[in-house]
Amino acid sequence: MPDASAPVSTRGASYIVPCASAFRDRVAGLAARRGASAADLARAVLLLVGPDQLARVADPGEPAPGDREAIELRSGASQGRVLKRKPRIQMRLPAGYSDADLRRALALALQMAEGEAQLSVVTPSDRKAEAAVEKARDGLAEENATLRQLVADLATPVLERGVTSRSDALFVLGFPSTAVPDPVTVKRRWRRLAMIYHPDSAFGDHERMSQLNLALSRLMG
């Protein structure tokens, strides 16, 4: 068997790839409908799909122990004798492929024919754009982490006893304890803090939002 890690050469090689009989029959049916051979199907996929992408395709595997085909010998001293062997697909392709890779290539050909998979062309500019998006996403995640830390550092402590007095309410909304803010100012401060601590926001904090509401009620009451 060819070594899976060996480079593929242009020299032709004969492959006898063991596989389940149902898989072999599906490949034979697709090849017949396309007016091609199993080797043609595998070759087309191998030309279009790189090793990394091919490795992501599940290997259909070898036939189960009970999956065997009967072959009658037609010549020689054993003529007429019936042998049982593993179902296989015979192909001639460039040397260097493993049986698993050839089964994967044929499996992908079947998936594409049945609409379960499709190929898309990715250009160098596409890869460059994807890399730029990934870099921007990483930068945004780092920026969000920094913002979260800043918000946590600047936030007033949650009052364990709750909002029980006017001075507590002023503290929660960030006013000095001696301040006498008018209702418009109180409402404006509440809105700004609610934008940060509302549970649906990026920095949502249910406990802080609850105290903001209590503080607003206390100062507006």
Protein backbone atom coordinates (compact mmCIF):
# COMPACT_ATOMS: atom_id res chain seq x y z
CA MET A 1 0.00 0.00 0.00
CA PRO A 2 1.27 3.54 -0.70
CA ASP A 3 2.50 5.49 2.28
CA ALA A 4 -0.01 8.25 3.18
CA SER A 5 2.85 10.59 4.04
CA ALA A 6 4.73 9.99 0.79
CA PRO A 7 4.54 12.72 -1.88
CA VAL A 8 2.35 12.00 -4.87
CA SER A 9 4.35 11.42 -8.03
CA THR A 10 3.41 11.57 -11.68
CA ARG A 11 4.26 7.88 -12.06
CA GLY A 12 1.16 5.75 -12.42
CA ALA A 13 0.25 3.10 -9.87
CA SER A 14 -2.43 0.46 -9.64
CA TYR A 15 -4.60 0.66 -6.55
CA ILE A 16 -6.84 -2.01 -5.10
CA VAL A 17 -8.85 -0.07 -2.51
CA PRO A 18 -10.91 -2.18 -0.08
CA CYS A 19 -14.29 -0.69 0.77
CA ALA A 20 -17.83 -1.66 1.70
CA SER A 21 -19.78 -3.26 -1.13
CA ALA A 22 -22.55 -0.64 -0.82
CA PHE A 23 -19.97 2.14 -1.18
CA ARG A 24 -18.40 0.41 -4.19
CA ASP A 25 -21.80 0.05 -5.84
CA ARG A 26 -22.63 3.74 -5.29
CA VAL A 27 -19.31 4.76 -6.83
CA ALA A 28 -19.87 2.41 -9.80
CA GLY A 29 -23.35 3.84 -10.30
CA LEU A 30 -22.09 7.44 -10.27
CA ALA A 31 -19.26 6.58 -12.66
CA ALA A 32 -21.73 4.93 -15.06
CA ARG A 33 -24.05 7.96 -14.96
CA ARG A 34 -21.13 10.27 -15.68
CA GLY A 35 -19.69 8.06 -18.42
CA ALA A 36 -16.45 7.85 -16.46
CA SER A 37 -14.50 5.46 -14.26
CA ALA A 38 -13.92 5.43 -10.50
CA ALA A 39 -10.37 6.63 -11.20
CA ASP A 40 -11.76 9.62 -13.13
CA LEU A 41 -13.98 10.56 -10.18
CA ALA A 42 -11.13 10.30 -7.68
CA ARG A 43 -8.73 12.18 -9.97
CA ALA A 44 -11.15 15.08 -10.42
CA VAL A 45 -11.58 15.50 -6.66
CA LEU A 46 -7.85 15.16 -5.95
CA LEU A 47 -7.07 17.88 -8.47
CA LEU A 48 -9.55 20.30 -6.88
CA VAL A 49 -9.16 19.56 -3.18
CA GLY A 50 -5.99 20.01 -1.16
CA PRO A 51 -4.71 17.49 1.41
CA ASP A 52 -5.97 19.54 4.37
CA GLN A 53 -9.50 19.76 2.98
CA LEU A 54 -9.49 16.09 1.98
CA ALA A 55 -8.45 15.08 5.50
CA ARG A 56 -11.67 16.65 6.84
CA VAL A 57 -13.78 14.18 4.84
CA ALA A 58 -14.73 11.07 6.81
CA ASP A 59 -13.08 7.90 5.54
CA PRO A 60 -15.85 5.41 4.61
CA GLY A 61 -13.47 2.70 5.84
CA GLU A 62 -12.82 -0.89 4.94
CA PRO A 63 -15.64 -3.44 4.61
CA ALA A 64 -17.08 -5.08 7.70
CA PRO A 65 -15.90 -8.64 8.46
CA GLY A 66 -19.05 -10.16 6.97
CA ASP A 67 -19.02 -7.99 3.85
CA ARG A 68 -17.37 -10.19 1.21
CA GLU A 69 -17.82 -10.82 -2.50
CA ALA A 70 -17.72 -14.23 -4.18
CA ILE A 71 -15.23 -14.65 -7.05
CA GLU A 72 -15.12 -17.76 -9.25
CA LEU A 73 -11.68 -18.64 -10.58
CA ARG A 74 -11.86 -19.08 -14.35
CA SER A 75 -8.48 -20.51 -15.18
CA GLY A 76 -5.65 -22.61 -13.80
CA ALA A 77 -5.73 -25.64 -11.59
CA SER A 78 -8.30 -24.04 -9.29
CA GLN A 79 -10.70 -23.18 -12.11
CA GLY A 80 -14.28 -23.18 -10.88
CA ARG A 81 -13.30 -22.64 -7.27
CA VAL A 82 -15.20 -19.82 -5.53
CA LEU A 83 -13.24 -17.47 -3.31
CA LYS A 84 -14.53 -14.83 -0.94
CA ARG A 85 -12.65 -11.55 -0.76
CA LYS A 86 -13.07 -8.00 0.44
CA PRO A 87 -15.06 -5.76 -1.93
CA ARG A 88 -12.68 -3.36 -3.65
CA ILE A 89 -12.36 -0.63 -6.21
CA GLN A 90 -9.50 -0.93 -8.69
CA MET A 91 -7.99 2.26 -10.08
CA ARG A 92 -4.89 3.53 -11.78
CA LEU A 93 -3.71 6.91 -10.53
CA PRO A 94 -0.43 8.70 -9.76
CA ALA A 95 1.55 6.89 -7.10
CA GLY A 96 1.62 8.09 -3.50
CA TYR A 97 -2.00 8.08 -2.34
CA SER A 98 -3.25 6.05 0.61
CA ASP A 99 -6.32 3.85 0.40
CA ALA A 100 -8.02 6.11 2.95
CA ASP A 101 -7.41 9.23 0.84
CA LEU A 102 -8.82 7.54 -2.27
CA ARG A 103 -11.92 6.45 -0.36
CA ARG A 104 -12.28 10.02 0.95
CA ALA A 105 -11.97 11.42 -2.59
CA LEU A 106 -14.66 9.06 -3.87
CA ALA A 107 -16.87 9.80 -0.86
CA LEU A 108 -16.59 13.53 -1.60
CA ALA A 109 -17.45 12.88 -5.26
CA LEU A 110 -20.61 11.11 -4.09
CA GLN A 111 -21.48 13.92 -1.66
CA MET A 112 -21.13 16.55 -4.38
CA ALA A 113 -23.18 14.50 -6.83
CA GLU A 114 -25.92 14.08 -4.24
CA GLY A 115 -25.91 17.78 -3.27
CA GLU A 116 -24.48 17.15 0.21
CA ALA A 117 -21.26 19.10 -0.46
CA GLN A 118 -20.00 21.71 -2.87
CA LEU A 119 -16.68 23.28 -3.73
CA SER A 120 -15.98 27.00 -3.74
CA VAL A 121 -12.99 28.78 -5.23
CA VAL A 122 -10.98 30.74 -2.65
CA THR A 123 -8.56 33.27 -4.12
CA PRO A 124 -5.50 34.76 -2.39
CA SER A 125 -7.43 38.01 -1.96
CA ASP A 126 -10.23 36.04 -0.24
CA ARG A 127 -7.72 34.55 2.19
CA LYS A 128 -6.23 38.00 2.80
CA ALA A 129 -9.66 39.44 3.53
CA GLU A 130 -10.47 36.55 5.89
CA ALA A 131 -7.18 37.12 7.73
CA ALA A 132 -8.01 40.83 8.08
CA VAL A 133 -11.45 40.00 9.50
CA GLU A 134 -9.92 37.55 11.99
CA LYS A 135 -7.36 40.15 13.06
CA ALA A 136 -10.08 42.78 13.51
CA ARG A 137 -12.20 40.31 15.50
CA ASP A 138 -9.27 39.53 17.79
CA GLY A 139 -8.61 43.24 18.26
CA LEU A 140 -12.26 43.88 19.06
CA ALA A 141 -12.31 41.07 21.62
CA GLU A 142 -9.22 42.52 23.31
CA GLU A 143 -10.77 46.01 23.29
CA ASN A 144 -14.00 44.68 24.81
CA ALA A 145 -12.04 42.95 27.56
CA THR A 146 -10.27 46.23 28.32
CA LEU A 147 -13.56 48.12 28.39
CA ARG A 148 -15.09 45.56 30.72
CA GLN A 149 -12.19 45.97 33.11
CA LEU A 150 -12.45 49.76 32.97
CA VAL A 151 -16.19 49.65 33.66
CA ALA A 152 -15.57 47.31 36.59
CA ASP A 153 -12.83 49.56 37.98
CA LEU A 154 -14.93 52.73 37.70
CA ALA A 155 -18.20 51.29 38.95
CA THR A 156 -19.41 52.24 42.42
CA PRO A 157 -19.60 49.27 44.80
CA VAL A 158 -22.91 47.45 45.09
CA LEU A 159 -24.52 48.34 48.43
CA GLU A 160 -24.96 45.11 50.37
CA ARG A 161 -27.66 46.66 52.54
CA GLY A 162 -29.52 47.95 49.47
CA VAL A 163 -30.76 51.48 48.85
CA THR A 164 -32.24 52.48 52.19
CA SER A 165 -31.74 56.25 52.23
CA ARG A 166 -31.40 59.32 50.04
CA SER A 167 -27.62 59.32 50.51
CA ASP A 168 -27.54 55.68 49.32
CA ALA A 169 -29.50 56.69 46.22
CA LEU A 170 -27.12 59.56 45.49
CA PHE A 171 -24.14 57.23 45.92
CA VAL A 172 -25.57 54.61 43.55
CA LEU A 173 -26.15 57.24 40.85
CA GLY A 174 -22.69 58.72 41.36
CA PHE A 175 -23.66 62.02 43.01
CA PRO A 176 -21.91 63.48 46.08
CA SER A 177 -23.76 62.80 49.32
CA THR A 178 -24.54 66.55 49.71
CA ALA A 179 -25.83 67.01 46.14
CA VAL A 180 -29.36 68.13 45.43
CA PRO A 181 -29.82 67.22 41.74
CA ASP A 182 -33.02 68.25 39.99
CA PRO A 183 -35.28 65.53 38.49
CA VAL A 184 -34.00 66.12 34.93
CA THR A 185 -30.39 65.61 36.05
CA VAL A 186 -31.30 62.51 38.03
CA LYS A 187 -33.15 61.00 35.08
CA ARG A 188 -30.29 61.80 32.70
CA ARG A 189 -27.74 60.15 35.03
CA TRP A 190 -29.97 57.09 35.43
CA ARG A 191 -30.30 56.70 31.63
CA ARG A 192 -26.54 56.84 31.13
CA LEU A 193 -25.86 54.22 33.77
CA ALA A 194 -28.78 52.07 32.61
CA MET A 195 -27.21 51.93 29.13
CA ILE A 196 -24.19 50.28 30.74
CA TYR A 197 -25.75 48.02 33.34
CA HIS A 198 -29.01 46.95 31.72
CA PRO A 199 -29.00 43.11 31.56
CA ASP A 200 -29.34 43.23 27.75
CA SER A 201 -26.21 45.35 27.30
CA ALA A 202 -22.67 44.09 26.77
CA PHE A 203 -21.78 44.98 30.38
CA GLY A 204 -25.14 44.01 31.86
CA ASP A 205 -25.35 43.60 35.63
CA HIS A 206 -28.74 42.65 37.04
CA GLU A 207 -27.88 43.58 40.64
CA ARG A 208 -26.53 47.03 39.73
CA MET A 209 -29.49 47.71 37.46
CA SER A 210 -31.85 46.82 40.30
CA GLN A 211 -30.10 49.30 42.61
CA LEU A 212 -30.19 51.99 39.91
CA ASN A 213 -33.95 51.58 39.68
CA LEU A 214 -34.32 51.78 43.46
CA ALA A 215 -32.12 54.89 43.56
CA LEU A 216 -34.18 56.55 40.84
CA SER A 217 -37.40 55.74 42.67
CA ARG A 218 -36.01 57.12 45.93
CA LEU A 219 -34.82 60.43 44.41
CA MET A 220 -37.85 60.97 42.17
CA GLY A 221 -40.40 60.00 44.80
